Amino acid sequence: MKKKFPWHALVFVAPALLIYAVLSAFPLIGTLYTGLFTQSDAGVYSFVGLQNYQTILMDPQWSHTFWNAMYNNLKFFGFHMLVQNPIALLLAALLSLPNVRFSATYRTVFFLPTLLSVVIVGFTWQLILSPRWGVAEGFMNMLGIGQYFAPWLGLEETVLPTLSLMSNWQYVGIPMMLIYASMISIPDDIIEAALVEGASPWRIFWQIRLPLILPTLGLTTILTFVGNFNAFDLIYAVKGAVAGPNYSSDILGTLFYRTFFGFQSQVANPTMGAAVATLMFLVILMGVGVYFVVIQRRLQRYSL
């Protein structure tokens, strides 16, 4: 006897599908479609195929701006991988140790910045690091290292690392909690067996805990990648749409904003903006695809 199709299930799935279609699928299709057109001064749209993408990637004026934003985005992601995620791993490892006093309080403190508005975070760090009225210079003078203070947000060489550290401070709690949840899910029997065999805590971490949480580390990596290549709000809040000085903090998100909406002397160009957004989507899609096809399959062997 054939089972009847569970039509009643569509009643429960339909609202989610509708929300996804209206807020995600249709806008994405519309963006891909708009990127294939160009707009005249009279507002008339004309189909040009892939010409917009060729202009962004090949035209000297557009390509320099795009590849500069791409390079800065890669550096922004690299800073998060080198600073945020290792610190999150260290904090999670320490907080998952048995008999750590006030562990819940520490987790709350480290996670609280993720609940703050990015605008508030950016404005607060601007006040702290300001050469005129910030407290950073005075604090460094108290520690005897005042000679190393500089207007980090105003120098081309230091603005992007400084913004990355601000982002790390705000969002380190997310990978920390993911890694912490993975660590406390490791069965106690495995740890106790290693202790009986005489393994040191350091060896237990490197040879037991770390391999077992590799799938979670892979997840935090791809979430960091997607988040960084979707980044916009912190750069805009601190440095504006120009992402200065001299576009040294410009990333794909700010480039899209200036292209689509226009800013100062740059005229808005929705079709080129849609092309930039499509390229952002393709970069993220390729990164996620590489993770699922190449990396995740190898990490599955370590899952419990």
Foldseek 3Di string as FASTA:
>chain_A
DDDDDPPVVCVVCVVVVVCCCVPPVVVLVVLVVLLQWFADPVGDIDGNGCVLVCCCCPPPVNNVLAVLQAVLLVVLLVLCVVPLLVVLLVLLVVLLDPPDPPSVVVLCVQQVLLPDDLLVLLVVVCQQLPPPRHCVLVVCVVVVNNVPRDSQCADLVRNSSVLSVSVSSRPSSVLSVLLNVQQNPPDVVVVVVCVVVPDDPVCCCVPPRVLQCVLSVLVVSLVSSLPSLCDDVNQCSNPNLCSDDVCSNRHLNSVLCCAQPNDDPRHHINNSSSVSVVVSVVVSVVVVVCCVPPPNVVSVVSYD
